[in-house]
Amino acid sequence: MDDILLARIDGNVGLATLNRPEVLNALSLELMKRLVDALEAFDADPNVYVIVLAGSEKVFAAGADIGDMADASLVEMYERNQFARWMRIKQIRKPMIAAVSGFALGGGCELAMHCDLIVASETARFGQPEINIGVMPGAGGTQRLTRAIGKFRAMEMVLNGRFLSAQEAFQAGLVTRVVAREQFLAEALRLAHEIARRPPIALKLAKEAVLKADELPLSEGLEYERKLFYTLFATRDQKEGMKAFLEKRPPRFEGR
């Protein structure tokens, strides 16, 4: 039980790794509790600027742990309110990168889509096959997938359980980049460290603004963006960044 989630900090990057290989990283209630706690701890740590969420080379996560739900009643599912934890993931302010290799299905696909970038190995497969067991996506699959790849591709995945290959997912706009299988985690960490060299407060506000694009009309989104832009002029990092640019030297950001 203690090893179902591995968490460590590498410089300014927090790494959380799903570790239930015997059940293909099925997202049990306990694993989700541990994962959310780890992500929130990274989010609160002033020394962590970017978070990477990974599975193994064989599988990211093959979905929810069906044993947790198979015999549950409507009332039990309602009272359990398991998706409240997923809403807490949505509240993570720092950039999150999913490192995906092998299957990312059902809840696994939804978990990857909760991240802000997805680095996929060439063996990655994305799918929402819940229809095959009598249900449908419940952790944002119908909403985030449709926004990412469009109605008609999403309908085929949700209604017919079709999987997307890594290249198909990249071409559809679901994936940031595709790399060799043996490089998927190293590339995700490399990208995380590259982003972590940017000013931490600006990273959080820029992420917030991009996510609002899915929720607000254009005029409101532009106004929201402008307010966050102006807010950054209250930070020391803005002064340092612009001064360093004018002095033609690398900036030294402090997250203040």
Protein backbone atom coordinates (compact mmCIF):
# COMPACT_ATOMS: atom_id res chain seq x y z
CA MET A 1 0.00 0.00 0.00
CA ASP A 2 2.80 2.41 0.89
CA ASP A 3 4.29 2.05 -2.58
CA ILE A 4 1.21 2.59 -4.75
CA LEU A 5 2.35 6.15 -5.37
CA LEU A 6 5.97 7.26 -5.57
CA ALA A 7 6.71 10.95 -5.03
CA ARG A 8 10.01 12.80 -5.14
CA ILE A 9 11.42 16.24 -5.91
CA ASP A 10 14.11 16.74 -8.55
CA GLY A 11 15.39 20.31 -8.38
CA ASN A 12 12.34 22.51 -8.97
CA VAL A 13 10.26 19.65 -10.39
CA GLY A 14 7.93 17.38 -8.43
CA LEU A 15 7.45 13.86 -9.81
CA ALA A 16 4.48 11.65 -8.87
CA THR A 17 4.52 8.11 -10.28
CA LEU A 18 1.56 5.73 -10.25
CA ASN A 19 2.79 2.35 -9.02
CA ARG A 20 0.20 -0.44 -9.11
CA PRO A 21 1.75 -2.56 -11.88
CA GLU A 22 -0.14 -5.71 -10.92
CA VAL A 23 -3.44 -4.03 -11.93
CA LEU A 24 -2.10 -1.75 -14.69
CA ASN A 25 -2.14 1.29 -12.39
CA ALA A 26 -5.90 1.07 -11.88
CA LEU A 27 -7.03 4.23 -10.12
CA SER A 28 -8.39 2.91 -6.84
CA LEU A 29 -9.93 5.25 -4.28
CA GLU A 30 -6.81 4.93 -2.15
CA LEU A 31 -4.46 5.67 -5.05
CA MET A 32 -6.47 8.77 -5.98
CA LYS A 33 -6.37 9.95 -2.37
CA ARG A 34 -2.61 9.52 -2.25
CA LEU A 35 -2.16 11.16 -5.63
CA VAL A 36 -4.22 14.24 -4.80
CA ASP A 37 -2.39 14.64 -1.48
CA ALA A 38 0.97 14.46 -3.27
CA LEU A 39 -0.06 16.94 -5.97
CA GLU A 40 -1.35 19.40 -3.39
CA ALA A 41 1.88 19.05 -1.41
CA PHE A 42 3.89 19.88 -4.55
CA ASP A 43 1.56 22.80 -5.25
CA ALA A 44 2.18 24.19 -1.77
CA ASP A 45 5.96 23.71 -1.88
CA PRO A 46 7.63 27.02 -2.85
CA ASN A 47 10.62 25.13 -4.26
CA VAL A 48 8.51 23.16 -6.77
CA TYR A 49 7.65 25.09 -9.95
CA VAL A 50 6.42 22.29 -12.26
CA ILE A 51 4.84 18.88 -11.62
CA VAL A 52 5.23 15.69 -13.66
CA LEU A 53 2.68 12.86 -13.35
CA ALA A 54 3.85 9.53 -14.75
CA GLY A 55 2.98 5.89 -15.05
CA SER A 56 5.30 3.09 -16.10
CA GLU A 57 6.72 2.37 -19.54
CA LYS A 58 4.03 -0.30 -19.94
CA VAL A 59 0.97 1.64 -18.79
CA PHE A 60 -0.02 5.09 -17.59
CA ALA A 61 -3.33 4.00 -16.08
CA ALA A 62 -5.80 1.52 -17.53
CA GLY A 63 -8.78 3.18 -15.85
CA ALA A 64 -10.66 3.19 -12.58
CA ASP A 65 -10.50 0.22 -10.23
CA ILE A 66 -13.78 -1.46 -11.22
CA GLY A 67 -13.79 -3.46 -8.00
CA ASP A 68 -14.45 -0.22 -6.13
CA MET A 69 -17.66 0.39 -8.08
CA ALA A 70 -19.08 -2.84 -9.48
CA ASP A 71 -21.65 -3.45 -6.73
CA ALA A 72 -22.21 0.15 -5.65
CA SER A 73 -25.70 1.65 -5.64
CA LEU A 74 -26.64 5.10 -6.87
CA VAL A 75 -26.85 6.34 -3.28
CA GLU A 76 -23.45 4.85 -2.43
CA MET A 77 -21.83 6.50 -5.44
CA TYR A 78 -23.50 9.81 -4.64
CA GLU A 79 -22.45 9.73 -0.99
CA ARG A 80 -18.91 8.62 -1.88
CA ASN A 81 -18.52 11.74 -4.04
CA GLN A 82 -15.29 10.34 -5.48
CA PHE A 83 -15.06 12.99 -8.19
CA ALA A 84 -14.48 15.67 -5.55
CA ARG A 85 -10.85 14.56 -5.58
CA TRP A 86 -10.69 15.16 -9.32
CA MET A 87 -11.91 18.71 -8.75
CA ARG A 88 -9.00 19.18 -6.36
CA ILE A 89 -6.62 18.18 -9.17
CA LYS A 90 -8.23 20.87 -11.31
CA GLN A 91 -7.32 23.40 -8.61
CA ILE A 92 -3.57 22.71 -8.84
CA ARG A 93 -2.04 26.04 -9.84
CA LYS A 94 1.36 24.93 -11.07
CA PRO A 95 1.92 23.53 -14.57
CA MET A 96 1.47 19.76 -14.74
CA ILE A 97 2.94 17.46 -17.38
CA ALA A 98 1.61 13.95 -17.95
CA ALA A 99 4.26 11.43 -19.01
CA VAL A 100 2.25 8.74 -20.79
CA SER A 101 3.42 5.39 -22.14
CA GLY A 102 1.17 2.46 -22.97
CA PHE A 103 -2.51 2.59 -22.10
CA ALA A 104 -4.22 5.73 -20.79
CA LEU A 105 -7.82 4.53 -20.71
CA GLY A 106 -10.98 5.72 -19.00
CA GLY A 107 -9.90 7.45 -15.82
CA GLY A 108 -6.31 7.20 -17.03
CA CYS A 109 -7.12 9.28 -20.11
CA GLU A 110 -9.09 11.70 -17.95
CA LEU A 111 -6.17 12.00 -15.53
CA ALA A 112 -3.77 12.81 -18.38
CA MET A 113 -6.22 15.43 -19.63
CA HIS A 114 -6.24 17.08 -16.19
CA CYS A 115 -2.60 17.95 -16.89
CA ASP A 116 -1.49 20.94 -18.95
CA LEU A 117 0.88 19.17 -21.33
CA ILE A 118 1.12 15.51 -22.36
CA VAL A 119 4.38 13.89 -23.40
CA ALA A 120 3.52 10.52 -24.95
CA SER A 121 5.65 7.59 -25.92
CA GLU A 122 5.12 6.11 -29.37
CA THR A 123 3.33 3.20 -27.66
CA ALA A 124 0.73 5.38 -25.91
CA ARG A 125 -2.94 4.60 -26.47
CA PHE A 126 -5.71 6.95 -25.34
CA GLY A 127 -9.30 5.87 -24.90
CA GLN A 128 -12.62 6.28 -23.07
CA PRO A 129 -14.01 2.73 -23.23
CA GLU A 130 -16.45 3.05 -20.30
CA ILE A 131 -19.36 2.35 -22.65
CA ASN A 132 -18.20 -1.28 -22.82
CA ILE A 133 -18.94 -1.83 -19.13
CA GLY A 134 -22.32 -0.11 -19.08
CA VAL A 135 -21.35 3.41 -18.05
CA MET A 136 -19.75 6.53 -19.55
CA PRO A 137 -16.87 8.84 -18.65
CA GLY A 138 -17.48 10.56 -15.32
CA ALA A 139 -14.26 12.45 -14.52
CA GLY A 140 -14.41 14.93 -17.38
CA GLY A 141 -13.89 12.63 -20.35
CA THR A 142 -16.87 13.83 -22.38
CA GLN A 143 -16.03 17.49 -21.73
CA ARG A 144 -12.21 17.72 -21.91
CA LEU A 145 -11.89 15.24 -24.77
CA THR A 146 -14.46 17.12 -26.86
CA ARG A 147 -12.69 20.42 -26.25
CA ALA A 148 -9.33 18.87 -27.14
CA ILE A 149 -10.15 16.92 -30.30
CA GLY A 150 -13.62 18.05 -31.40
CA LYS A 151 -17.12 16.59 -31.26
CA PHE A 152 -16.88 13.96 -33.98
CA ARG A 153 -13.66 12.29 -32.90
CA ALA A 154 -14.78 12.43 -29.27
CA MET A 155 -18.13 10.83 -30.15
CA GLU A 156 -16.40 7.84 -31.74
CA MET A 157 -14.18 7.35 -28.70
CA VAL A 158 -16.98 7.75 -26.17
CA LEU A 159 -19.77 5.92 -28.04
CA ASN A 160 -17.70 3.16 -29.61
CA GLY A 161 -14.71 2.85 -27.28
CA ARG A 162 -12.16 3.59 -30.01
CA PHE A 163 -8.54 4.13 -28.95
CA LEU A 164 -6.26 6.79 -30.41
CA SER A 165 -2.64 5.94 -31.08
CA ALA A 166 0.03 8.37 -29.93
CA GLN A 167 0.39 9.80 -33.41
CA GLU A 168 -3.37 10.12 -33.89
CA ALA A 169 -3.62 11.86 -30.52
CA PHE A 170 -0.84 14.24 -31.52
CA GLN A 171 -2.46 15.03 -34.85
CA ALA A 172 -5.82 15.58 -33.13
CA GLY A 173 -4.31 18.04 -30.65
CA LEU A 174 -4.57 15.87 -27.54
CA VAL A 175 -0.82 15.36 -27.08
CA THR A 176 2.01 17.90 -26.85
CA ARG A 177 4.73 15.69 -28.32
CA VAL A 178 5.50 12.04 -29.12
CA VAL A 179 8.87 10.47 -28.33
CA ALA A 180 10.48 7.04 -28.32
CA ARG A 181 9.20 4.68 -25.64
CA GLU A 182 12.45 4.65 -23.69
CA GLN A 183 12.54 8.47 -23.67
CA PHE A 184 9.03 9.37 -22.53
CA LEU A 185 9.82 10.10 -18.87
CA ALA A 186 13.21 11.69 -19.55
CA GLU A 187 11.60 14.00 -22.11
CA ALA A 188 8.78 14.94 -19.74
CA LEU A 189 11.31 15.77 -17.02
CA ARG A 190 13.49 17.68 -19.48
CA LEU A 191 10.48 19.75 -20.54
CA ALA A 192 9.51 20.28 -16.89
CA HIS A 193 12.97 21.57 -15.99
CA GLU A 194 12.95 23.85 -19.03
CA ILE A 195 9.60 25.37 -17.99
CA ALA A 196 10.80 25.58 -14.37
CA ARG A 197 13.43 28.11 -15.44
CA ARG A 198 10.59 30.58 -16.08
CA PRO A 199 9.18 32.90 -13.36
CA PRO A 200 6.96 30.79 -11.06
CA ILE A 201 4.19 33.33 -10.46
CA ALA A 202 3.90 34.10 -14.16
CA LEU A 203 3.71 30.36 -14.86
CA LYS A 204 0.74 29.95 -12.54
CA LEU A 205 -1.13 32.98 -13.88
CA ALA A 206 -0.44 32.04 -17.50
CA LYS A 207 -1.81 28.54 -16.86
CA GLU A 208 -4.88 30.06 -15.21
CA ALA A 209 -5.51 32.30 -18.20
CA VAL A 210 -5.19 29.50 -20.76
CA LEU A 211 -7.60 27.28 -18.81
CA LYS A 212 -10.13 30.11 -18.71
CA ALA A 213 -10.24 30.03 -22.52
CA ASP A 214 -12.38 26.88 -22.24
CA GLU A 215 -14.82 28.55 -19.88
CA LEU A 216 -15.26 32.17 -20.93
CA PRO A 217 -16.51 33.97 -24.05
CA LEU A 218 -13.69 35.67 -25.95
CA SER A 219 -14.38 39.19 -24.70
CA GLU A 220 -14.44 38.04 -21.05
CA GLY A 221 -11.36 35.89 -21.58
CA LEU A 222 -9.42 38.84 -22.99
CA GLU A 223 -10.41 40.98 -20.03
CA TYR A 224 -9.38 38.21 -17.63
CA GLU A 225 -6.03 37.88 -19.42
CA ARG A 226 -5.36 41.63 -19.20
CA LYS A 227 -6.00 41.69 -15.45
CA LEU A 228 -3.52 38.85 -14.88
CA PHE A 229 -1.01 40.57 -17.16
CA TYR A 230 -1.22 43.77 -15.13
CA THR A 231 -1.02 41.78 -11.87
CA LEU A 232 2.44 40.52 -12.80
CA PHE A 233 3.77 44.09 -12.67
CA ALA A 234 3.50 43.78 -8.89
CA THR A 235 6.13 41.01 -8.88
CA ARG A 236 9.88 41.30 -8.48
CA ASP A 237 10.28 38.70 -11.23
CA GLN A 238 8.70 41.07 -13.76
CA LYS A 239 11.21 43.77 -12.87
CA GLU A 240 14.10 41.29 -13.01
CA GLY A 241 12.95 39.75 -16.28
CA MET A 242 12.66 43.03 -18.13
CA LYS A 243 15.86 44.44 -16.61
CA ALA A 244 17.76 41.28 -17.62
CA PHE A 245 16.37 41.56 -21.15
CA LEU A 246 17.54 45.16 -21.47
CA GLU A 247 20.93 44.28 -19.98
CA LYS A 248 21.24 41.26 -22.30
CA ARG A 249 21.83 38.75 -19.49
CA PRO A 250 19.98 35.68 -18.17
CA PRO A 251 17.29 36.56 -15.60
CA ARG A 252 17.42 35.33 -12.02
CA PHE A 253 13.84 34.62 -11.03
CA GLU A 254 12.90 34.23 -7.34
CA GLY A 255 9.18 33.52 -7.46
CA ARG A 256 8.34 36.88 -5.85
